Every structure is written in structure tokens, then in C-alpha cells.
PDB file of N, CA and C in Angstrom:
ATOM      1  N   UNK A   1       0.913  -1.232  -0.023  1.00  0.00           N
ATOM      2  CA  UNK A   1       0.003   0.000   0.044  1.00  0.00           C
ATOM      3  C   UNK A   1       0.931   1.204  -0.034  1.00  0.00           C
ATOM      4  N   UNK A   2       0.743   2.088  -1.000  1.00  0.00           N
ATOM      5  CA  UNK A   2       1.588   3.236  -1.132  1.00  0.00           C
ATOM      6  C   UNK A   2       0.805   4.525  -0.697  1.00  0.00           C
ATOM      7  N   UNK A   3       0.893   4.819   0.572  1.00  0.00           N
ATOM      8  CA  UNK A   3       0.135   6.039   1.124  1.00  0.00           C
ATOM      9  C   UNK A   3       1.220   6.894   1.784  1.00  0.00           C
ATOM     10  N   UNK A   4       1.059   8.174   1.590  1.00  0.00           N
ATOM     11  CA  UNK A   4       1.999   9.121   2.190  1.00  0.00           C
ATOM     12  C   UNK A   4       1.547   9.398   3.697  1.00  0.00           C
ATOM     13  N   UNK A   5       2.339   8.908   4.584  1.00  0.00           N
ATOM     14  CA  UNK A   5       2.009   9.052   5.960  1.00  0.00           C
ATOM     15  C   UNK A   5       3.128   9.689   6.716  1.00  0.00           C
ATOM     16  N   UNK A   6       2.824  10.663   7.574  1.00  0.00           N
ATOM     17  CA  UNK A   6       3.890  11.410   8.262  1.00  0.00           C
ATOM     18  C   UNK A   6       4.621  10.432   9.257  1.00  0.00           C
ATOM     19  N   UNK A   7       5.802  10.734   9.593  1.00  0.00           N
ATOM     20  CA  UNK A   7       6.620   9.937  10.485  1.00  0.00           C
ATOM     21  C   UNK A   7       5.940   9.782  11.905  1.00  0.00           C
ATOM     22  N   UNK A   8       5.286  10.949  12.340  1.00  0.00           N
ATOM     23  CA  UNK A   8       4.605  10.888  13.635  1.00  0.00           C
ATOM     24  C   UNK A   8       3.436   9.898  13.607  1.00  0.00           C
ATOM     25  N   UNK A   9       2.609   9.944  12.526  1.00  0.00           N
ATOM     26  CA  UNK A   9       1.483   9.062  12.351  1.00  0.00           C
ATOM     27  C   UNK A   9       1.959   7.589  12.243  1.00  0.00           C
ATOM     28  N   UNK A  10       3.008   7.413  11.439  1.00  0.00           N
ATOM     29  CA  UNK A  10       3.545   6.050  11.292  1.00  0.00           C
ATOM     30  C   UNK A  10       3.996   5.440  12.637  1.00  0.00           C
ATOM     31  N   UNK A  11       4.625   6.305  13.481  1.00  0.00           N
ATOM     32  CA  UNK A  11       5.030   5.873  14.835  1.00  0.00           C
ATOM     33  C   UNK A  11       3.790   5.424  15.597  1.00  0.00           C
ATOM     34  N   UNK A  12       2.707   6.189  15.571  1.00  0.00           N
ATOM     35  CA  UNK A  12       1.463   5.824  16.257  1.00  0.00           C
ATOM     36  C   UNK A  12       0.915   4.540  15.759  1.00  0.00           C
ATOM     37  N   UNK A  13       0.925   4.409  14.386  1.00  0.00           N
ATOM     38  CA  UNK A  13       0.341   3.120  13.801  1.00  0.00           C
ATOM     39  C   UNK A  13       1.214   1.954  14.284  1.00  0.00           C
ATOM     40  N   UNK A  14       2.514   2.050  14.248  1.00  0.00           N
ATOM     41  CA  UNK A  14       3.389   0.947  14.737  1.00  0.00           C
ATOM     42  C   UNK A  14       3.148   0.599  16.268  1.00  0.00           C
ATOM     43  N   UNK A  15       2.848   1.525  17.015  1.00  0.00           N
ATOM     44  CA  UNK A  15       2.504   1.209  18.468  1.00  0.00           C
ATOM     45  C   UNK A  15       1.265   0.502  18.562  1.00  0.00           C
ATOM     46  N   UNK A  16       0.295   0.930  17.727  1.00  0.00           N
ATOM     47  CA  UNK A  16      -1.053   0.275  17.649  1.00  0.00           C
ATOM     48  C   UNK A  16      -0.912  -1.128  17.118  1.00  0.00           C
ATOM     49  N   UNK A  17      -0.128  -1.316  16.087  1.00  0.00           N
ATOM     50  CA  UNK A  17       0.123  -2.648  15.585  1.00  0.00           C
ATOM     51  C   UNK A  17       0.704  -3.571  16.583  1.00  0.00           C
ATOM     52  N   UNK A  18       1.781  -3.092  17.215  1.00  0.00           N
ATOM     53  CA  UNK A  18       2.437  -3.828  18.265  1.00  0.00           C
ATOM     54  C   UNK A  18       1.466  -4.329  19.395  1.00  0.00           C
ATOM     55  N   UNK A  19       0.591  -3.389  19.786  1.00  0.00           N
ATOM     56  CA  UNK A  19      -0.461  -3.683  20.831  1.00  0.00           C
ATOM     57  C   UNK A  19      -1.455  -4.733  20.343  1.00  0.00           C
ATOM     58  N   UNK A  20      -1.796  -4.692  19.094  1.00  0.00           N
ATOM     59  CA  UNK A  20      -2.761  -5.678  18.572  1.00  0.00           C
ATOM     60  C   UNK A  20      -2.155  -7.026  18.483  1.00  0.00           C
ATOM     61  N   UNK A  21      -0.887  -7.136  17.978  1.00  0.00           N
ATOM     62  CA  UNK A  21      -0.151  -8.377  17.860  1.00  0.00           C
ATOM     63  C   UNK A  21       0.063  -9.025  19.266  1.00  0.00           C
ATOM     64  N   UNK A  22       0.403  -8.170  20.208  1.00  0.00           N
ATOM     65  CA  UNK A  22       0.657  -8.660  21.561  1.00  0.00           C
ATOM     66  C   UNK A  22      -0.593  -9.169  22.192  1.00  0.00           C
ATOM     67  N   UNK A  23      -1.717  -8.417  22.035  1.00  0.00           N
ATOM     68  CA  UNK A  23      -2.997  -8.841  22.592  1.00  0.00           C
ATOM     69  C   UNK A  23      -3.486 -10.159  22.010  1.00  0.00           C
ATOM     70  N   UNK A  24      -3.244 -10.282  20.730  1.00  0.00           N
ATOM     71  CA  UNK A  24      -3.620 -11.547  20.055  1.00  0.00           C
ATOM     72  C   UNK A  24      -2.925 -12.766  20.672  1.00  0.00           C
ATOM     73  N   UNK A  25      -1.688 -12.592  20.943  1.00  0.00           N
ATOM     74  CA  UNK A  25      -0.889 -13.708  21.555  1.00  0.00           C
ATOM     75  C   UNK A  25      -1.336 -13.974  22.935  1.00  0.00           C
ATOM     76  N   UNK A  26      -1.603 -12.889  23.737  1.00  0.00           N
ATOM     77  CA  UNK A  26      -1.995 -13.080  25.100  1.00  0.00           C
ATOM     78  C   UNK A  26      -3.391 -13.810  25.159  1.00  0.00           C
ATOM     79  N   UNK A  27      -4.302 -13.455  24.329  1.00  0.00           N
ATOM     80  CA  UNK A  27      -5.568 -14.125  24.311  1.00  0.00           C
ATOM     81  C   UNK A  27      -5.405 -15.642  23.920  1.00  0.00           C
ATOM     82  N   UNK A  28      -4.603 -15.841  22.900  1.00  0.00           N
ATOM     83  CA  UNK A  28      -4.357 -17.279  22.448  1.00  0.00           C
ATOM     84  C   UNK A  28      -3.644 -18.129  23.503  1.00  0.00           C
ATOM     85  N   UNK A  29      -2.701 -17.572  24.154  1.00  0.00           N
ATOM     86  CA  UNK A  29      -1.968 -18.361  25.142  1.00  0.00           C
ATOM     87  C   UNK A  29      -2.903 -18.688  26.387  1.00  0.00           C
ATOM     88  N   UNK A  30      -3.683 -17.686  26.770  1.00  0.00           N
ATOM     89  CA  UNK A  30      -4.591 -17.884  27.930  1.00  0.00           C
ATOM     90  C   UNK A  30      -5.652 -18.863  27.586  1.00  0.00           C
ATOM     91  N   UNK A  31      -6.082 -18.867  26.343  1.00  0.00           N
ATOM     92  CA  UNK A  31      -7.161 -19.809  25.915  1.00  0.00           C
ATOM     93  C   UNK A  31      -6.679 -21.229  26.072  1.00  0.00           C
ATOM     94  N   UNK A  32      -5.381 -21.516  25.891  1.00  0.00           N
ATOM     95  CA  UNK A  32      -4.837 -22.876  26.019  1.00  0.00           C
ATOM     96  C   UNK A  32      -5.084 -23.476  27.371  1.00  0.00           C
ATOM     97  N   UNK A  33      -5.173 -22.708  28.446  1.00  0.00           N
ATOM     98  CA  UNK A  33      -5.350 -23.261  29.791  1.00  0.00           C
ATOM     99  C   UNK A  33      -6.656 -22.809  30.425  1.00  0.00           C
ATOM    100  N   UNK A  34      -7.501 -21.929  29.768  1.00  0.00           N
ATOM    101  CA  UNK A  34      -8.705 -21.479  30.383  1.00  0.00           C
ATOM    102  C   UNK A  34      -9.662 -22.723  30.509  1.00  0.00           C
ATOM    103  N   UNK A  35     -10.460 -22.688  31.587  1.00  0.00           N
ATOM    104  CA  UNK A  35     -11.411 -23.747  31.752  1.00  0.00           C
ATOM    105  C   UNK A  35     -12.671 -23.441  31.089  1.00  0.00           C
ATOM    106  N   UNK A  36     -13.327 -24.432  30.518  1.00  0.00           N
ATOM    107  CA  UNK A  36     -14.607 -24.258  29.873  1.00  0.00           C
ATOM    108  C   UNK A  36     -14.506 -23.982  28.429  1.00  0.00           C
ATOM    109  N   UNK A  37     -15.243 -24.752  27.599  1.00  0.00           N
ATOM    110  CA  UNK A  37     -15.246 -24.652  26.148  1.00  0.00           C
ATOM    111  C   UNK A  37     -15.550 -23.310  25.705  1.00  0.00           C
ATOM    112  N   UNK A  38     -16.639 -22.717  26.304  1.00  0.00           N
ATOM    113  CA  UNK A  38     -17.096 -21.352  25.926  1.00  0.00           C
ATOM    114  C   UNK A  38     -15.999 -20.292  26.171  1.00  0.00           C
ATOM    115  N   UNK A  39     -15.334 -20.415  27.320  1.00  0.00           N
ATOM    116  CA  UNK A  39     -14.271 -19.473  27.645  1.00  0.00           C
ATOM    117  C   UNK A  39     -13.195 -19.558  26.653  1.00  0.00           C
ATOM    118  N   UNK A  40     -12.788 -20.746  26.269  1.00  0.00           N
ATOM    119  CA  UNK A  40     -11.669 -21.027  25.334  1.00  0.00           C
ATOM    120  C   UNK A  40     -12.095 -20.417  23.969  1.00  0.00           C
ATOM    121  N   UNK A  41     -13.332 -20.657  23.505  1.00  0.00           N
ATOM    122  CA  UNK A  41     -13.822 -20.072  22.279  1.00  0.00           C
ATOM    123  C   UNK A  41     -13.822 -18.658  22.214  1.00  0.00           C
ATOM    124  N   UNK A  42     -14.278 -18.075  23.270  1.00  0.00           N
ATOM    125  CA  UNK A  42     -14.291 -16.598  23.369  1.00  0.00           C
ATOM    126  C   UNK A  42     -12.867 -15.907  23.260  1.00  0.00           C
ATOM    127  N   UNK A  43     -11.966 -16.552  24.042  1.00  0.00           N
ATOM    128  CA  UNK A  43     -10.596 -16.031  24.050  1.00  0.00           C
ATOM    129  C   UNK A  43      -9.938 -16.199  22.667  1.00  0.00           C
ATOM    130  N   UNK A  44     -10.157 -17.283  21.975  1.00  0.00           N
ATOM    131  CA  UNK A  44      -9.624 -17.552  20.696  1.00  0.00           C
ATOM    132  C   UNK A  44     -10.280 -16.653  19.616  1.00  0.00           C
ATOM    133  N   UNK A  45     -11.507 -16.257  19.838  1.00  0.00           N
ATOM    134  CA  UNK A  45     -12.207 -15.307  18.938  1.00  0.00           C
ATOM    135  C   UNK A  45     -11.564 -13.881  19.145  1.00  0.00           C
ATOM    136  N   UNK A  46     -11.389 -13.548  20.351  1.00  0.00           N
ATOM    137  CA  UNK A  46     -10.750 -12.223  20.653  1.00  0.00           C
ATOM    138  C   UNK A  46      -9.344 -12.255  20.023  1.00  0.00           C
ATOM    139  N   UNK A  47      -8.562 -13.364  20.184  1.00  0.00           N
ATOM    140  CA  UNK A  47      -7.200 -13.423  19.584  1.00  0.00           C
ATOM    141  C   UNK A  47      -7.345 -13.207  18.089  1.00  0.00           C
ATOM    142  N   UNK A  48      -8.232 -13.818  17.401  1.00  0.00           N
ATOM    143  CA  UNK A  48      -8.354 -13.696  15.966  1.00  0.00           C
ATOM    144  C   UNK A  48      -8.711 -12.221  15.633  1.00  0.00           C
ATOM    145  N   UNK A  49      -9.627 -11.647  16.375  1.00  0.00           N
ATOM    146  CA  UNK A  49      -9.974 -10.226  16.089  1.00  0.00           C
ATOM    147  C   UNK A  49      -8.797  -9.308  16.188  1.00  0.00           C
ATOM    148  N   UNK A  50      -7.975  -9.501  17.280  1.00  0.00           N
ATOM    149  CA  UNK A  50      -6.884  -8.668  17.508  1.00  0.00           C
ATOM    150  C   UNK A  50      -5.791  -8.924  16.393  1.00  0.00           C
ATOM    151  N   UNK A  51      -5.678 -10.181  15.893  1.00  0.00           N
ATOM    152  CA  UNK A  51      -4.746 -10.461  14.829  1.00  0.00           C
ATOM    153  C   UNK A  51      -5.265  -9.752  13.526  1.00  0.00           C
ATOM    154  N   UNK A  52      -6.526  -9.770  13.289  1.00  0.00           N
ATOM    155  CA  UNK A  52      -7.085  -9.081  12.084  1.00  0.00           C
ATOM    156  C   UNK A  52      -6.734  -7.541  12.094  1.00  0.00           C
ATOM    157  N   UNK A  53      -6.925  -7.006  13.323  1.00  0.00           N
ATOM    158  CA  UNK A  53      -6.550  -5.593  13.503  1.00  0.00           C
ATOM    159  C   UNK A  53      -5.118  -5.295  13.195  1.00  0.00           C
ATOM    160  N   UNK A  54      -4.264  -6.160  13.675  1.00  0.00           N
ATOM    161  CA  UNK A  54      -2.843  -6.050  13.407  1.00  0.00           C
ATOM    162  C   UNK A  54      -2.466  -6.085  11.955  1.00  0.00           C
ATOM    163  N   UNK A  55      -3.143  -6.969  11.273  1.00  0.00           N
ATOM    164  CA  UNK A  55      -2.931  -7.155   9.837  1.00  0.00           C
ATOM    165  C   UNK A  55      -3.340  -5.885   9.037  1.00  0.00           C
ATOM    166  N   UNK A  56      -4.371  -5.161   9.506  1.00  0.00           N
ATOM    167  CA  UNK A  56      -4.839  -3.859   8.927  1.00  0.00           C
ATOM    168  C   UNK A  56      -3.636  -2.881   9.079  1.00  0.00           C
ATOM    169  N   UNK A  57      -3.038  -2.743  10.330  1.00  0.00           N
ATOM    170  CA  UNK A  57      -1.926  -1.838  10.531  1.00  0.00           C
ATOM    171  C   UNK A  57      -0.728  -2.245   9.765  1.00  0.00           C
ATOM    172  N   UNK A  58      -0.553  -3.546   9.578  1.00  0.00           N
ATOM    173  CA  UNK A  58       0.627  -4.087   8.849  1.00  0.00           C
ATOM    174  C   UNK A  58       0.582  -3.525   7.399  1.00  0.00           C
ATOM    175  N   UNK A  59      -0.612  -3.421   6.843  1.00  0.00           N
ATOM    176  CA  UNK A  59      -0.739  -2.864   5.491  1.00  0.00           C
ATOM    177  C   UNK A  59      -0.195  -1.470   5.371  1.00  0.00           C
ATOM    178  N   UNK A  60      -0.186  -0.689   6.511  1.00  0.00           N
ATOM    179  CA  UNK A  60       0.278   0.578   6.459  1.00  0.00           C
ATOM    180  C   UNK A  60       1.811   0.692   6.783  1.00  0.00           C
ATOM    181  N   UNK A  61       2.251  -0.145   7.706  1.00  0.00           N
ATOM    182  CA  UNK A  61       3.692  -0.089   8.111  1.00  0.00           C
ATOM    183  C   UNK A  61       4.602  -0.944   7.226  1.00  0.00           C
ATOM    184  N   UNK A  62       4.001  -2.070   6.634  1.00  0.00           N
ATOM    185  CA  UNK A  62       4.849  -2.949   5.834  1.00  0.00           C
ATOM    186  C   UNK A  62       5.789  -3.758   6.710  1.00  0.00           C
ATOM    187  N   UNK A  63       5.502  -3.771   7.984  1.00  0.00           N
ATOM    188  CA  UNK A  63       6.366  -4.511   8.928  1.00  0.00           C
ATOM    189  C   UNK A  63       5.530  -5.611   9.644  1.00  0.00           C
ATOM    190  N   UNK A  64       6.065  -6.834   9.693  1.00  0.00           N
ATOM    191  CA  UNK A  64       5.520  -7.919  10.453  1.00  0.00           C
ATOM    192  C   UNK A  64       6.112  -7.886  11.843  1.00  0.00           C
ATOM    193  N   UNK A  65       5.385  -7.509  12.854  1.00  0.00           N
ATOM    194  CA  UNK A  65       5.850  -7.328  14.181  1.00  0.00           C
ATOM    195  C   UNK A  65       5.714  -8.563  15.015  1.00  0.00           C
ATOM    196  N   UNK A  66       6.579  -8.736  15.969  1.00  0.00           N
ATOM    197  CA  UNK A  66       6.518  -9.766  16.976  1.00  0.00           C
ATOM    198  C   UNK A  66       5.911  -9.197  18.247  1.00  0.00           C
ATOM    199  N   UNK A  67       5.247  -9.991  19.051  1.00  0.00           N
ATOM    200  CA  UNK A  67       4.637  -9.538  20.231  1.00  0.00           C
ATOM    201  C   UNK A  67       5.642  -9.107  21.268  1.00  0.00           C
ATOM    202  N   UNK A  68       5.226  -8.224  22.178  1.00  0.00           N
ATOM    203  CA  UNK A  68       6.095  -7.778  23.228  1.00  0.00           C
ATOM    204  C   UNK A  68       6.086  -8.905  24.298  1.00  0.00           C
ATOM    205  N   UNK A  69       7.136  -9.694  24.381  1.00  0.00           N
ATOM    206  CA  UNK A  69       7.299 -10.868  25.196  1.00  0.00           C
ATOM    207  C   UNK A  69       7.014 -10.569  26.680  1.00  0.00           C
ATOM    208  N   UNK A  70       7.558  -9.514  27.201  1.00  0.00           N
ATOM    209  CA  UNK A  70       7.347  -9.183  28.619  1.00  0.00           C
ATOM    210  C   UNK A  70       5.881  -9.011  28.978  1.00  0.00           C
ATOM    211  N   UNK A  71       5.170  -8.430  28.102  1.00  0.00           N
ATOM    212  CA  UNK A  71       3.691  -8.181  28.341  1.00  0.00           C
ATOM    213  C   UNK A  71       2.989  -9.455  28.279  1.00  0.00           C
ATOM    214  N   UNK A  72       3.328 -10.346  27.233  1.00  0.00           N
ATOM    215  CA  UNK A  72       2.670 -11.663  27.195  1.00  0.00           C
ATOM    216  C   UNK A  72       2.999 -12.425  28.401  1.00  0.00           C
ATOM    217  N   UNK A  73       4.169 -12.468  28.870  1.00  0.00           N
ATOM    218  CA  UNK A  73       4.544 -13.318  30.033  1.00  0.00           C
ATOM    219  C   UNK A  73       3.791 -12.751  31.301  1.00  0.00           C
ATOM    220  N   UNK A  74       3.763 -11.433  31.391  1.00  0.00           N
ATOM    221  CA  UNK A  74       2.998 -10.749  32.578  1.00  0.00           C
ATOM    222  C   UNK A  74       1.600 -11.302  32.624  1.00  0.00           C
ATOM    223  N   UNK A  75       0.842 -11.171  31.554  1.00  0.00           N
ATOM    224  CA  UNK A  75      -0.560 -11.479  31.640  1.00  0.00           C
ATOM    225  C   UNK A  75      -0.934 -12.913  31.629  1.00  0.00           C
ATOM    226  N   UNK A  76      -0.030 -13.759  31.029  1.00  0.00           N
ATOM    227  CA  UNK A  76      -0.210 -15.181  31.216  1.00  0.00           C
ATOM    228  C   UNK A  76       0.089 -15.633  32.570  1.00  0.00           C
ATOM    229  N   UNK A  77       1.197 -15.034  33.228  1.00  0.00           N
ATOM    230  CA  UNK A  77       1.371 -15.309  34.616  1.00  0.00           C
ATOM    231  C   UNK A  77       0.225 -15.030  35.453  1.00  0.00           C
ATOM    232  N   UNK A  78      -0.234 -13.761  35.338  1.00  0.00           N
ATOM    233  CA  UNK A  78      -1.415 -13.303  36.086  1.00  0.00           C
ATOM    234  C   UNK A  78      -2.552 -14.182  35.933  1.00  0.00           C
ATOM    235  N   UNK A  79      -2.850 -14.631  34.695  1.00  0.00           N
ATOM    236  CA  UNK A  79      -3.961 -15.514  34.388  1.00  0.00           C
ATOM    237  C   UNK A  79      -3.814 -16.887  35.103  1.00  0.00           C
ATOM    238  N   UNK A  80      -2.536 -17.404  35.137  1.00  0.00           N
ATOM    239  CA  UNK A  80      -2.349 -18.691  35.752  1.00  0.00           C
ATOM    240  C   UNK A  80      -2.490 -18.545  37.230  1.00  0.00           C
ATOM    241  N   UNK A  81      -2.052 -17.503  37.868  1.00  0.00           N
ATOM    242  CA  UNK A  81      -2.073 -17.365  39.330  1.00  0.00           C
ATOM    243  C   UNK A  81      -3.499 -16.919  39.873  1.00  0.00           C
ATOM    244  N   UNK A  82      -4.048 -15.887  39.230  1.00  0.00           N
ATOM    245  CA  UNK A  82      -5.274 -15.345  39.719  1.00  0.00           C
ATOM    246  C   UNK A  82      -6.510 -15.646  38.877  1.00  0.00           C
ATOM    247  N   UNK A  83      -6.316 -16.333  37.754  1.00  0.00           N
ATOM    248  CA  UNK A  83      -7.454 -16.604  36.864  1.00  0.00           C
ATOM    249  C   UNK A  83      -7.511 -15.660  35.687  1.00  0.00           C
ATOM    250  N   UNK A  84      -7.930 -16.173  34.608  1.00  0.00           N
ATOM    251  CA  UNK A  84      -7.924 -15.384  33.327  1.00  0.00           C
ATOM    252  C   UNK A  84      -8.809 -14.133  33.462  1.00  0.00           C
ATOM    253  N   UNK A  85      -9.914 -14.221  34.153  1.00  0.00           N
ATOM    254  CA  UNK A  85     -10.822 -13.062  34.277  1.00  0.00           C
ATOM    255  C   UNK A  85     -10.103 -11.880  34.864  1.00  0.00           C
ATOM    256  N   UNK A  86      -9.380 -12.161  36.000  1.00  0.00           N
ATOM    257  CA  UNK A  86      -8.535 -11.131  36.647  1.00  0.00           C
ATOM    258  C   UNK A  86      -7.544 -10.507  35.692  1.00  0.00           C
ATOM    259  N   UNK A  87      -6.810 -11.377  34.978  1.00  0.00           N
ATOM    260  CA  UNK A  87      -5.809 -10.953  34.051  1.00  0.00           C
ATOM    261  C   UNK A  87      -6.342 -10.070  32.938  1.00  0.00           C
ATOM    262  N   UNK A  88      -7.439 -10.471  32.391  1.00  0.00           N
ATOM    263  CA  UNK A  88      -8.071  -9.759  31.277  1.00  0.00           C
ATOM    264  C   UNK A  88      -8.584  -8.335  31.790  1.00  0.00           C
ATOM    265  N   UNK A  89      -9.176  -8.366  32.941  1.00  0.00           N
ATOM    266  CA  UNK A  89      -9.638  -7.069  33.456  1.00  0.00           C
ATOM    267  C   UNK A  89      -8.570  -6.126  33.734  1.00  0.00           C
ATOM    268  N   UNK A  90      -7.374  -6.688  34.289  1.00  0.00           N
ATOM    269  CA  UNK A  90      -6.256  -5.876  34.616  1.00  0.00           C
ATOM    270  C   UNK A  90      -5.673  -5.278  33.271  1.00  0.00           C
ATOM    271  N   UNK A  91      -5.662  -6.156  32.271  1.00  0.00           N
ATOM    272  CA  UNK A  91      -5.147  -5.691  30.929  1.00  0.00           C
ATOM    273  C   UNK A  91      -6.046  -4.588  30.371  1.00  0.00           C
ATOM    274  N   UNK A  92      -7.302  -4.777  30.418  1.00  0.00           N
ATOM    275  CA  UNK A  92      -8.272  -3.784  29.877  1.00  0.00           C
ATOM    276  C   UNK A  92      -8.197  -2.496  30.645  1.00  0.00           C
ATOM    277  N   UNK A  93      -8.005  -2.598  31.940  1.00  0.00           N
ATOM    278  CA  UNK A  93      -7.838  -1.346  32.706  1.00  0.00           C
ATOM    279  C   UNK A  93      -6.596  -0.600  32.372  1.00  0.00           C
ATOM    280  N   UNK A  94      -5.506  -1.326  32.058  1.00  0.00           N
ATOM    281  CA  UNK A  94      -4.324  -0.729  31.521  1.00  0.00           C
ATOM    282  C   UNK A  94      -4.512  -0.021  30.201  1.00  0.00           C
ATOM    283  N   UNK A  95      -5.283  -0.665  29.333  1.00  0.00           N
ATOM    284  CA  UNK A  95      -5.546  -0.082  28.040  1.00  0.00           C
ATOM    285  C   UNK A  95      -6.410   1.287  28.247  1.00  0.00           C
ATOM    286  N   UNK A  96      -7.338   1.336  29.092  1.00  0.00           N
ATOM    287  CA  UNK A  96      -8.090   2.479  29.327  1.00  0.00           C
ATOM    288  C   UNK A  96      -7.242   3.597  29.788  1.00  0.00           C
ATOM    289  N   UNK A  97      -6.382   3.281  30.767  1.00  0.00           N
ATOM    290  CA  UNK A  97      -5.464   4.219  31.293  1.00  0.00           C
ATOM    291  C   UNK A  97      -4.539   4.842  30.225  1.00  0.00           C
ATOM    292  N   UNK A  98      -4.042   3.985  29.324  1.00  0.00           N
ATOM    293  CA  UNK A  98      -3.121   4.362  28.255  1.00  0.00           C
ATOM    294  C   UNK A  98      -3.850   5.359  27.315  1.00  0.00           C
ATOM    295  N   UNK A  99      -5.186   5.115  27.113  1.00  0.00           N
ATOM    296  CA  UNK A  99      -5.912   5.905  26.132  1.00  0.00           C
ATOM    297  C   UNK A  99      -6.175   7.330  26.692  1.00  0.00           C
ATOM    298  N   UNK A 100      -6.204   7.467  27.991  1.00  0.00           N
ATOM    299  CA  UNK A 100      -6.498   8.771  28.594  1.00  0.00           C
ATOM    300  C   UNK A 100      -5.259   9.628  28.658  1.00  0.00           C
ATOM    301  N   UNK A 101      -4.099   9.065  28.455  1.00  0.00           N
ATOM    302  CA  UNK A 101      -2.830   9.888  28.552  1.00  0.00           C
ATOM    303  C   UNK A 101      -2.673  10.741  27.359  1.00  0.00           C
TER     304      UNK A 101
END
């Protein structure tokens, strides 16, 4: 895709793409050990949606990004210790805080 994007805008898009890729992996990894078929299916659906979002941003950046390992490990750890609902809520709260900055 050949679109003229400013450096500042491209940096924002890259951050968004990294976030989507990372979230996709978090949901997929938590789904592997979540209890209940419905929970697993929901988490895998969320993972696929985040992956689709990342692919949209990839069309603009031209870069295939890898997830942020530290964030993946953090939320998978939280999900294993406190349950996936706690980890997801904590992650979502962090996203809301990031959007208000």
C-alpha cells in the first residue's frame, strides 16, 4: 500500500500494531489453559480479532511485528495465578489508562 504517512503518524500506527499483535498472543496463550469450552472459544475469537486488526496496521507499516514478550509473560502469569478473568480485566484497565494519557 503506497500512502503518504507522516513519521509521527507512522510511529502511532506501529505502536497500535504492536499492541494488537501482543494482545492476540495473550488471548491465544490464555485460551490454552482456560477452563470451559465457551471461555476458550471466546478467548480464541478475541485473539483472531486482534490479529485481524494487526494485519490492517501491517498494511500501512509494511512490517510484520513480533509480540512484546514481557507483556505476554506478565498477563499469562497473572492468568495462571489469579485466573484469566482477573488478568483480562487488569489488561483492559491498563488499556483504558493508556488511552486517557
